[in-house]
């Protein structure tokens, strides 16, 4: 007798769970999606036209999900704005939104699509997860009706939220997260009244989820990791790269290292907006990543991760980020410190005038120490040591402490801090440290061509970021990016 489809699916799901339970690792996937965008308009399109556009994107995502599942992935993350894009006013996005219930309702949209209001997007995502026996994380829009009894209810009578959803391998909705830290251009969405800390359990660890700009703030990012002790963070994003510190691959990799968790980062792909850079990151570095500003295609990444990375870190001593820098005498400076802007922040710089040496540069309470040796000092490239200690106030307000060794755009010192992607100078070694007032410091090493350096540097327990081997590629920047959340 041929088993029924529900029984067959249950058996496959049970086998997948047993396999996951039997292993201390799991297979993760992220998909960088070149989003098919709607025509720019201030007027709402019809619901049918909105769904047609979303189905075009979901056709592509479904292909990536099937491929990931065939390669053994247990979970896949897709990008922020990956189903309908971002060309919207508040009114124009409304036809693309669905009412997303609390996961506590125990709902499988694929098998019970009419239980709530029409939800064709949730139904299709649920079926993608169920038909491929894989966890699927996606970013869509939630709408919630409100009325005058709610003093904060918008004048149009509804809340609209930038929302992440997760469906398990049975297709059940297991997580819903409303983005709390909206980027300045997201005027089509409302801020949730309170920050949400969303977690869910899997056979391969405890997971949390948040979106894009959220990663720079204490809530929800630090709360999930430090207080709720998640093992892995799912991170749909639409990240516009900002050199030298905030390209997607370098900052997201550094964040995973600094926080001691896995991070599954799925970026949108739009080279005209400098959107690229996805990766699967572990506390010991990138397992795989993708950065491509030349082509317009999407890209699937798959890698194996430890299910419980905290266990492997438990025997390691905690990093005291200011220990070394606070204990050493101030290194010599070049006696001609100067100022320069990096992404609107005024840094204090000092030039590396010799092929090797020890330097210190200070700003306010932060002193940055550098020991280095170049393989050979080039006359056509200039490097500086920089420090910033202050409140960043452009697209949001957040307090930074940054120590950086970085290549200038040209030999003109006025270009120091401007975006640079390539370099030719190799270093024999480097050691960077700072007198940080925060324990939240993220170590970045970026090589020429926006390439990461997994396995080629280490962070010592006294707070030094050091080359572990002779760097194999020319250096663009070596950075300790500190976030002092209490000063926001």
Protein backbone atom coordinates (compact mmCIF):
# COMPACT_ATOMS: atom_id res chain seq x y z
CA UNK A 1 0.00 0.00 0.00
CA UNK A 2 1.34 3.46 -0.90
CA UNK A 3 1.49 5.74 2.16
CA UNK A 4 -0.62 8.90 2.11
CA UNK A 5 1.09 12.24 1.41
CA UNK A 6 0.68 13.52 5.02
CA UNK A 7 2.13 10.30 6.45
CA UNK A 8 5.00 10.35 4.00
CA UNK A 9 5.78 13.97 4.83
CA UNK A 10 5.65 13.22 8.57
CA UNK A 11 8.08 10.35 8.10
CA UNK A 12 10.50 12.50 6.11
CA UNK A 13 10.30 15.28 8.70
CA UNK A 14 10.86 12.84 11.58
CA UNK A 15 13.92 11.43 9.83
CA UNK A 16 15.32 14.93 9.30
CA UNK A 17 14.83 15.73 12.99
CA UNK A 18 16.58 12.53 14.07
CA UNK A 19 19.49 13.27 11.76
CA UNK A 20 19.81 16.79 13.15
CA UNK A 21 19.62 15.53 16.74
CA UNK A 22 22.37 13.02 16.02
CA UNK A 23 24.77 15.74 14.89
CA UNK A 24 26.45 18.68 16.56
CA UNK A 25 26.43 20.52 13.25
CA UNK A 26 23.88 21.63 10.69
CA UNK A 27 23.87 22.84 7.11
CA UNK A 28 22.89 26.49 6.60
CA UNK A 29 22.05 28.36 3.42
CA UNK A 30 21.55 32.01 2.50
CA UNK A 31 20.45 33.40 -0.82
CA UNK A 32 21.49 36.81 -2.13
CA UNK A 33 18.57 37.80 -4.35
CA UNK A 34 18.53 40.27 -7.25
CA UNK A 35 15.04 41.54 -6.49
CA UNK A 36 12.57 42.14 -9.31
CA UNK A 37 11.30 45.63 -8.48
CA UNK A 38 7.86 47.11 -9.09
CA UNK A 39 7.42 50.23 -11.17
CA UNK A 40 7.88 53.35 -9.06
CA UNK A 41 4.47 54.82 -8.24
CA UNK A 42 2.82 56.75 -5.45
CA UNK A 43 -0.56 55.15 -6.18
CA UNK A 44 -1.40 51.63 -4.97
CA UNK A 45 -1.58 48.91 -7.60
CA UNK A 46 -4.30 46.28 -7.51
CA UNK A 47 -3.88 43.30 -5.15
CA UNK A 48 -3.61 41.03 -8.20
CA UNK A 49 -0.79 43.10 -9.68
CA UNK A 50 0.99 43.18 -6.33
CA UNK A 51 0.75 39.39 -5.98
CA UNK A 52 1.95 38.90 -9.55
CA UNK A 53 5.12 40.87 -8.78
CA UNK A 54 5.68 38.97 -5.54
CA UNK A 55 5.19 35.64 -7.27
CA UNK A 56 7.93 36.52 -9.75
CA UNK A 57 10.34 36.99 -6.88
CA UNK A 58 9.06 33.91 -5.06
CA UNK A 59 9.63 31.86 -8.22
CA UNK A 60 13.32 32.72 -7.95
CA UNK A 61 13.43 32.15 -4.20
CA UNK A 62 11.70 28.80 -4.58
CA UNK A 63 14.39 27.66 -7.00
CA UNK A 64 17.08 28.61 -4.47
CA UNK A 65 15.21 26.87 -1.64
CA UNK A 66 14.87 23.66 -3.67
CA UNK A 67 18.57 23.71 -4.55
CA UNK A 68 19.57 24.33 -0.95
CA UNK A 69 17.38 21.47 0.27
CA UNK A 70 18.81 19.13 -2.36
CA UNK A 71 22.28 19.96 -1.03
CA UNK A 72 21.23 19.01 2.49
CA UNK A 73 20.53 22.43 4.00
CA UNK A 74 18.39 22.45 7.13
CA UNK A 75 17.58 26.17 6.97
CA UNK A 76 17.73 28.99 4.42
CA UNK A 77 17.57 32.76 4.90
CA UNK A 78 16.37 35.11 2.15
CA UNK A 79 16.89 38.89 2.05
CA UNK A 80 15.06 41.89 3.42
CA UNK A 81 12.75 43.35 0.74
CA UNK A 82 13.36 40.15 -1.22
CA UNK A 83 9.72 39.61 -2.21
CA UNK A 84 8.57 43.09 -3.26
CA UNK A 85 11.49 45.51 -3.17
CA UNK A 86 11.59 49.02 -1.70
CA UNK A 87 10.12 51.58 -4.12
CA UNK A 88 7.12 52.49 -1.98
CA UNK A 89 5.21 55.21 -0.22
CA UNK A 90 3.10 54.23 2.76
CA UNK A 91 0.02 54.02 0.55
CA UNK A 92 1.70 52.24 -2.36
CA UNK A 93 3.01 49.34 -0.26
CA UNK A 94 -0.38 48.48 1.21
CA UNK A 95 -1.48 45.95 -1.48
CA UNK A 96 1.70 43.95 -0.79
CA UNK A 97 0.99 43.49 2.94
CA UNK A 98 -0.66 40.56 4.70
CA UNK A 99 -2.01 40.13 8.22
CA UNK A 100 0.57 37.87 9.89
CA UNK A 101 -0.72 36.17 13.06
CA UNK A 102 1.23 35.45 16.21
CA UNK A 103 3.00 32.08 15.78
CA UNK A 104 1.29 30.92 18.98
CA UNK A 105 -1.79 30.16 16.83
CA UNK A 106 -0.03 26.99 15.62
CA UNK A 107 -0.74 27.53 11.92
CA UNK A 108 0.44 25.80 8.75
CA UNK A 109 -0.71 28.10 5.93
CA UNK A 110 0.15 25.49 3.30
CA UNK A 111 -2.48 23.05 4.59
CA UNK A 112 -4.95 25.56 6.06
CA UNK A 113 -4.74 28.69 3.87
CA UNK A 114 -8.23 30.02 4.69
CA UNK A 115 -7.97 29.94 8.49
CA UNK A 116 -7.21 33.67 8.60
CA UNK A 117 -7.50 36.53 6.11
CA UNK A 118 -6.23 35.84 2.59
CA UNK A 119 -2.49 35.21 2.83
CA UNK A 120 -1.19 33.88 -0.50
CA UNK A 121 2.42 34.89 0.26
CA UNK A 122 2.46 33.13 3.62
CA UNK A 123 0.78 30.12 2.04
CA UNK A 124 3.41 29.88 -0.68
CA UNK A 125 6.35 30.34 1.71
CA UNK A 126 4.85 27.71 4.01
CA UNK A 127 4.56 25.28 1.11
CA UNK A 128 8.16 25.97 0.05
CA UNK A 129 9.29 24.97 3.54
CA UNK A 130 6.96 21.97 3.75
CA UNK A 131 7.60 20.60 0.28
CA UNK A 132 11.36 20.78 0.77
CA UNK A 133 11.51 19.86 4.49
CA UNK A 134 13.56 22.93 5.34
CA UNK A 135 13.27 25.97 7.60
CA UNK A 136 12.60 29.07 5.49
CA UNK A 137 13.16 32.65 6.71
CA UNK A 138 11.75 35.47 4.59
CA UNK A 139 10.98 39.17 4.87
CA UNK A 140 7.46 40.42 4.07
CA UNK A 141 5.08 43.13 5.29
CA UNK A 142 2.54 42.87 8.12
CA UNK A 143 -0.61 45.00 8.48
CA UNK A 144 -2.63 45.45 11.65
CA UNK A 145 -5.94 47.35 11.89
CA UNK A 146 -6.23 49.90 14.70
CA UNK A 147 -8.76 52.57 15.72
CA UNK A 148 -9.16 55.83 17.60
CA UNK A 149 -9.15 54.08 20.98
CA UNK A 150 -5.43 53.60 20.36
CA UNK A 151 -3.85 57.07 20.70
CA UNK A 152 -0.88 56.08 18.53
CA UNK A 153 -3.00 54.61 15.71
CA UNK A 154 -1.97 56.16 12.35
CA UNK A 155 -4.54 58.33 10.60
CA UNK A 156 -5.17 55.65 7.97
CA UNK A 157 -6.26 53.21 10.67
CA UNK A 158 -3.53 50.63 10.36
CA UNK A 159 -0.03 49.75 11.45
CA UNK A 160 2.40 48.57 8.79
CA UNK A 161 5.50 46.64 9.82
CA UNK A 162 8.69 45.48 8.12
CA UNK A 163 8.43 41.82 9.14
CA UNK A 164 10.47 38.61 9.15
CA UNK A 165 8.74 35.24 9.20
CA UNK A 166 10.11 31.73 9.69
CA UNK A 167 8.40 28.50 8.65
CA UNK A 168 9.59 25.13 9.91
CA UNK A 169 10.01 21.99 7.74
CA UNK A 170 6.32 21.15 8.24
CA UNK A 171 5.38 24.60 6.96
CA UNK A 172 4.30 25.90 10.37
CA UNK A 173 4.80 29.57 11.20
CA UNK A 174 7.30 29.49 14.10
CA UNK A 175 8.56 33.08 14.23
CA UNK A 176 7.37 36.60 13.40
CA UNK A 177 9.57 39.64 14.01
CA UNK A 178 8.70 43.31 13.47
CA UNK A 179 11.78 45.39 12.64
CA UNK A 180 12.42 47.86 15.47
CA UNK A 181 15.24 50.05 14.11
CA UNK A 182 13.92 51.34 10.82
CA UNK A 183 16.33 52.96 8.38
CA UNK A 184 15.60 56.63 7.69
CA UNK A 185 14.08 55.92 4.25
CA UNK A 186 11.55 53.36 5.54
CA UNK A 187 8.69 55.82 5.92
CA UNK A 188 6.22 53.24 4.61
CA UNK A 189 6.49 51.33 7.90
CA UNK A 190 5.64 51.97 11.56
CA UNK A 191 7.91 51.41 14.53
CA UNK A 192 6.67 48.68 16.87
CA UNK A 193 5.60 50.07 20.25
CA UNK A 194 8.19 47.91 21.99
CA UNK A 195 11.29 46.09 20.75
CA UNK A 196 10.73 42.39 20.17
CA UNK A 197 13.20 39.64 21.08
CA UNK A 198 12.10 36.72 18.90
CA UNK A 199 13.58 33.25 19.37
CA UNK A 200 12.61 29.74 18.38
CA UNK A 201 14.01 26.30 19.12
CA UNK A 202 15.24 23.86 16.46
CA UNK A 203 16.81 20.40 16.67
CA UNK A 204 20.12 22.15 15.98
CA UNK A 205 20.12 25.01 18.45
CA UNK A 206 18.29 28.10 19.64
CA UNK A 207 17.72 30.71 16.95
CA UNK A 208 16.98 34.43 16.98
CA UNK A 209 16.05 36.81 14.19
CA UNK A 210 16.25 40.52 13.40
CA UNK A 211 16.61 42.74 10.34
CA UNK A 212 19.35 44.87 8.76
CA UNK A 213 19.80 48.16 10.72
CA UNK A 214 18.86 46.32 13.94
CA UNK A 215 22.36 44.84 14.09
CA UNK A 216 23.86 48.18 15.15
CA UNK A 217 21.72 48.53 18.29
CA UNK A 218 21.40 46.89 21.67
CA UNK A 219 17.74 46.03 21.15
CA UNK A 220 17.15 43.48 19.80
CA UNK A 221 20.63 42.34 18.72
CA UNK A 222 22.53 42.31 22.00
CA UNK A 223 19.48 41.19 23.97
CA UNK A 224 19.11 38.07 21.82
CA UNK A 225 22.74 37.09 22.22
CA UNK A 226 23.75 38.25 25.68
CA UNK A 227 20.49 37.77 27.57
CA UNK A 228 18.55 35.12 25.64
CA UNK A 229 21.65 33.13 24.68
CA UNK A 230 20.77 32.21 21.11
CA UNK A 231 23.20 30.03 19.16
CA UNK A 232 22.44 31.36 15.69
CA UNK A 233 20.98 34.61 14.36
CA UNK A 234 19.01 34.85 11.12
CA UNK A 235 19.63 38.16 9.40
CA UNK A 236 17.64 39.26 6.34
CA UNK A 237 19.17 42.53 5.16
CA UNK A 238 19.23 45.13 2.39
CA UNK A 239 22.69 46.46 3.19
CA UNK A 240 24.21 49.34 1.23
CA UNK A 241 27.96 48.95 1.58
CA UNK A 242 29.90 51.81 3.15
CA UNK A 243 33.68 51.49 3.08
CA UNK A 244 35.94 51.29 4.99
CA UNK A 245 34.14 49.74 8.03
CA UNK A 246 30.55 49.01 7.07
CA UNK A 247 30.69 46.75 4.04
CA UNK A 248 28.32 43.88 4.64
CA UNK A 249 30.83 41.04 4.66
CA UNK A 250 33.40 42.66 6.95
CA UNK A 251 30.98 44.06 9.54
CA UNK A 252 28.68 41.04 9.68
CA UNK A 253 31.62 38.66 9.98
CA UNK A 254 33.11 40.87 12.70
CA UNK A 255 29.78 41.00 14.55
CA UNK A 256 29.53 37.21 14.63
CA UNK A 257 33.07 37.00 16.01
CA UNK A 258 32.55 39.74 18.57
CA UNK A 259 29.25 38.27 19.81
CA UNK A 260 30.33 34.63 19.68
CA UNK A 261 27.39 33.34 17.61
CA UNK A 262 26.57 32.10 14.12
CA UNK A 263 25.11 34.71 11.77
CA UNK A 264 23.25 33.82 8.57
CA UNK A 265 23.28 37.03 6.55
CA UNK A 266 21.22 37.23 3.33
CA UNK A 267 21.58 40.50 1.44
CA UNK A 268 19.67 41.84 -1.52
CA UNK A 269 21.69 42.26 -4.71
CA UNK A 270 21.50 45.62 -6.45
CA UNK A 271 24.82 47.00 -7.61
CA UNK A 272 23.40 50.43 -8.49
CA UNK A 273 22.69 50.88 -4.76
CA UNK A 274 25.92 49.14 -3.64
CA UNK A 275 23.88 46.26 -2.23
CA UNK A 276 25.80 43.00 -2.12
CA UNK A 277 27.56 40.92 0.49
CA UNK A 278 26.03 37.82 2.06
CA UNK A 279 27.61 35.19 4.23
CA UNK A 280 27.48 32.34 6.69
CA UNK A 281 29.57 33.42 9.65
CA UNK A 282 30.79 31.60 12.76
CA UNK A 283 32.57 32.98 15.83
CA UNK A 284 35.90 31.85 14.38
CA UNK A 285 35.33 33.58 11.04
CA UNK A 286 33.46 33.34 7.77
CA UNK A 287 32.55 29.83 6.62
CA UNK A 288 31.56 31.23 3.21
CA UNK A 289 30.70 34.68 1.85
CA UNK A 290 29.88 36.49 -1.38
CA UNK A 291 30.60 40.05 -2.50
CA UNK A 292 30.13 40.98 -6.16
CA UNK A 293 29.71 44.50 -7.54
CA UNK A 294 30.16 43.42 -11.18
CA UNK A 295 27.19 41.23 -12.08
CA UNK A 296 23.45 41.46 -11.46
CA UNK A 297 22.84 37.82 -10.57
CA UNK A 298 21.70 36.26 -7.33
CA UNK A 299 23.85 33.72 -5.48
CA UNK A 300 23.29 30.77 -3.14
CA UNK A 301 25.70 30.04 -0.28
CA UNK A 302 25.78 26.81 1.74
CA UNK A 303 28.04 25.86 4.65
CA UNK A 304 28.21 23.69 7.76
CA UNK A 305 28.05 25.29 11.21
CA UNK A 306 28.33 24.15 14.82
CA UNK A 307 24.87 23.82 16.34
CA UNK A 308 26.02 25.19 19.70
CA UNK A 309 29.03 27.46 19.09
CA UNK A 310 28.95 28.69 22.69
CA UNK A 311 30.07 25.22 23.86
CA UNK A 312 33.26 25.43 21.83
CA UNK A 313 33.85 28.95 23.16
CA UNK A 314 33.19 28.03 26.81
CA UNK A 315 36.79 27.05 27.48
CA UNK A 316 38.17 30.24 25.96
CA UNK A 317 38.93 33.18 28.26
CA UNK A 318 36.78 36.28 27.78
CA UNK A 319 38.43 39.15 25.93
CA UNK A 320 39.24 42.25 27.97
CA UNK A 321 39.27 44.71 25.13
CA UNK A 322 41.20 47.43 26.98
CA UNK A 323 43.65 45.29 28.97
CA UNK A 324 46.74 45.50 26.77
CA UNK A 325 46.21 49.05 25.54
CA UNK A 326 45.67 50.36 29.08
CA UNK A 327 48.80 48.67 30.42
CA UNK A 328 51.37 49.78 27.85
CA UNK A 329 53.11 53.09 27.71
CA UNK A 330 51.90 55.34 24.95
CA UNK A 331 53.77 54.59 21.75
CA UNK A 332 55.41 57.46 19.92
CA UNK A 333 53.37 59.47 17.49
CA UNK A 334 54.58 61.14 14.33
CA UNK A 335 54.09 64.55 15.97
CA UNK A 336 51.74 65.60 13.22
CA UNK A 337 48.32 64.17 13.97
CA UNK A 338 45.60 65.45 11.67
CA UNK A 339 41.84 65.14 11.27
CA UNK A 340 39.72 63.51 8.61
CA UNK A 341 36.18 62.31 7.95
CA UNK A 342 35.06 58.71 7.68
CA UNK A 343 31.33 58.37 6.95
CA UNK A 344 30.62 61.78 8.58
CA UNK A 345 32.66 61.04 11.73
CA UNK A 346 35.73 63.18 12.53
CA UNK A 347 38.72 60.90 13.16
CA UNK A 348 42.16 61.75 14.50
CA UNK A 349 44.85 60.25 12.26
CA UNK A 350 48.60 59.77 12.31
CA UNK A 351 50.58 58.60 9.28
CA UNK A 352 52.67 55.44 9.06
CA UNK A 353 55.81 57.11 7.71
CA UNK A 354 58.18 54.17 8.22
CA UNK A 355 58.06 50.56 6.97
CA UNK A 356 57.76 49.31 10.55
CA UNK A 357 57.15 50.77 13.98
CA UNK A 358 54.89 51.41 16.96
CA UNK A 359 52.34 54.24 16.96
CA UNK A 360 49.64 55.68 19.19
CA UNK A 361 46.80 58.04 18.30
CA UNK A 362 44.18 59.28 20.78
CA UNK A 363 40.78 60.94 20.71
CA UNK A 364 38.93 61.74 23.96
CA UNK A 365 39.21 58.62 26.16
CA UNK A 366 40.26 56.27 23.36
CA UNK A 367 43.92 55.64 22.61
CA UNK A 368 44.75 53.26 19.76
CA UNK A 369 48.07 51.42 19.67
CA UNK A 370 49.57 49.85 16.56
CA UNK A 371 52.66 47.69 16.04
CA UNK A 372 53.33 46.84 12.41
CA UNK A 373 55.83 45.79 9.79
CA UNK A 374 55.24 46.26 6.08
CA UNK A 375 56.66 43.80 3.58
CA UNK A 376 57.88 46.87 1.74
CA UNK A 377 56.80 50.51 1.97
CA UNK A 378 55.49 51.85 -1.30
CA UNK A 379 55.81 55.52 -2.20
CA UNK A 380 52.44 55.50 -3.99
CA UNK A 381 50.37 54.27 -1.02
CA UNK A 382 49.76 55.92 2.35
CA UNK A 383 48.43 54.27 5.52
CA UNK A 384 47.26 55.92 8.71
CA UNK A 385 46.30 54.90 12.23
CA UNK A 386 43.00 56.48 13.24
CA UNK A 387 40.82 56.89 16.34
CA UNK A 388 37.20 57.96 16.79
CA UNK A 389 35.38 58.28 20.11
CA UNK A 390 31.95 59.85 19.74
CA UNK A 391 28.30 59.78 18.78
CA UNK A 392 27.47 59.02 15.15
CA UNK A 393 24.37 61.05 14.22
CA UNK A 394 23.70 60.71 10.49
CA UNK A 395 21.24 57.92 9.62
CA UNK A 396 20.77 57.10 13.32
CA UNK A 397 22.36 57.89 16.67
CA UNK A 398 24.83 55.38 18.03
CA UNK A 399 28.03 55.80 20.05
CA UNK A 400 31.23 54.46 18.50
CA UNK A 401 34.80 53.84 19.59
CA UNK A 402 36.93 52.85 16.60
CA UNK A 403 40.62 52.07 16.18
CA UNK A 404 41.73 51.55 12.60
CA UNK A 405 44.76 50.98 10.42
CA UNK A 406 43.62 52.05 6.99
CA UNK A 407 44.84 52.80 3.49
CA UNK A 408 44.18 56.31 2.16
CA UNK A 409 42.61 56.79 -1.25
CA UNK A 410 45.74 58.54 -2.53
CA UNK A 411 48.99 60.02 -1.24
CA UNK A 412 47.07 63.20 -0.43
CA UNK A 413 46.32 63.00 3.30
CA UNK A 414 43.04 64.82 2.68
CA UNK A 415 41.74 61.59 1.08
CA UNK A 416 42.30 59.49 4.21
CA UNK A 417 38.95 58.00 5.18
CA UNK A 418 37.45 58.07 1.70
CA UNK A 419 36.21 54.73 0.29
CA UNK A 420 38.98 52.44 -0.95
CA UNK A 421 38.57 48.90 -2.30
CA UNK A 422 42.07 48.00 -3.50
CA UNK A 423 45.62 48.12 -2.20
CA UNK A 424 49.06 46.76 -3.08
CA UNK A 425 50.91 46.98 0.23
CA UNK A 426 51.37 43.73 2.13
CA UNK A 427 52.20 43.62 5.83
CA UNK A 428 54.53 41.18 7.56
CA UNK A 429 52.54 41.66 10.76
CA UNK A 430 50.14 43.97 12.59
CA UNK A 431 48.88 44.29 16.16
CA UNK A 432 46.07 46.74 16.95
CA UNK A 433 44.56 47.54 20.35
CA UNK A 434 42.66 50.32 22.12
CA UNK A 435 41.56 51.62 25.51
CA UNK A 436 37.91 50.78 24.93
CA UNK A 437 35.19 51.65 27.40
CA UNK A 438 32.92 48.92 26.05
CA UNK A 439 33.09 45.13 25.85
CA UNK A 440 31.25 45.15 22.52
CA UNK A 441 34.09 45.37 20.02
CA UNK A 442 34.05 43.80 16.57
CA UNK A 443 37.35 42.86 14.85
CA UNK A 444 37.62 43.50 11.10
CA UNK A 445 40.38 42.73 8.63
CA UNK A 446 39.68 43.65 5.02
CA UNK A 447 42.03 42.75 2.19
CA UNK A 448 42.26 44.28 -1.26
CA UNK A 449 39.20 43.64 -3.41
CA UNK A 450 36.87 43.56 -0.38
CA UNK A 451 38.11 40.13 0.68
CA UNK A 452 37.98 38.76 4.21
CA UNK A 453 40.89 37.11 5.99
CA UNK A 454 39.45 34.03 7.74
CA UNK A 455 42.06 32.18 9.77
CA UNK A 456 44.77 34.80 9.23
CA UNK A 457 44.22 36.90 12.37
CA UNK A 458 43.25 36.36 15.99
CA UNK A 459 42.06 38.31 18.99
CA UNK A 460 44.07 37.75 22.17
CA UNK A 461 42.39 37.80 25.58
CA UNK A 462 44.12 41.13 26.34
CA UNK A 463 42.29 42.82 23.45
CA UNK A 464 44.95 42.78 20.74
CA UNK A 465 43.86 42.11 17.15
CA UNK A 466 46.92 40.42 15.65
CA UNK A 467 47.94 38.81 12.41
CA UNK A 468 48.26 35.07 13.10
CA UNK A 469 50.19 34.38 9.93
CA UNK A 470 51.87 36.65 7.45
CA UNK A 471 48.92 38.33 5.66
CA UNK A 472 48.51 36.79 2.24
CA UNK A 473 46.96 39.79 0.50
CA UNK A 474 47.40 43.59 0.56
CA UNK A 475 45.57 45.26 3.44
CA UNK A 476 42.79 47.82 3.04
CA UNK A 477 41.89 48.12 6.72
CA UNK A 478 42.44 46.50 10.10
CA UNK A 479 39.80 47.74 12.54
CA UNK A 480 38.43 47.35 16.03
CA UNK A 481 34.85 48.66 15.74
CA UNK A 482 33.45 49.34 19.20
CA UNK A 483 29.81 50.04 20.13
CA UNK A 484 29.18 51.73 23.48
CA UNK A 485 25.43 51.14 23.74
CA UNK A 486 25.01 52.87 27.10
CA UNK A 487 26.11 56.17 25.55
CA UNK A 488 23.50 56.15 22.78
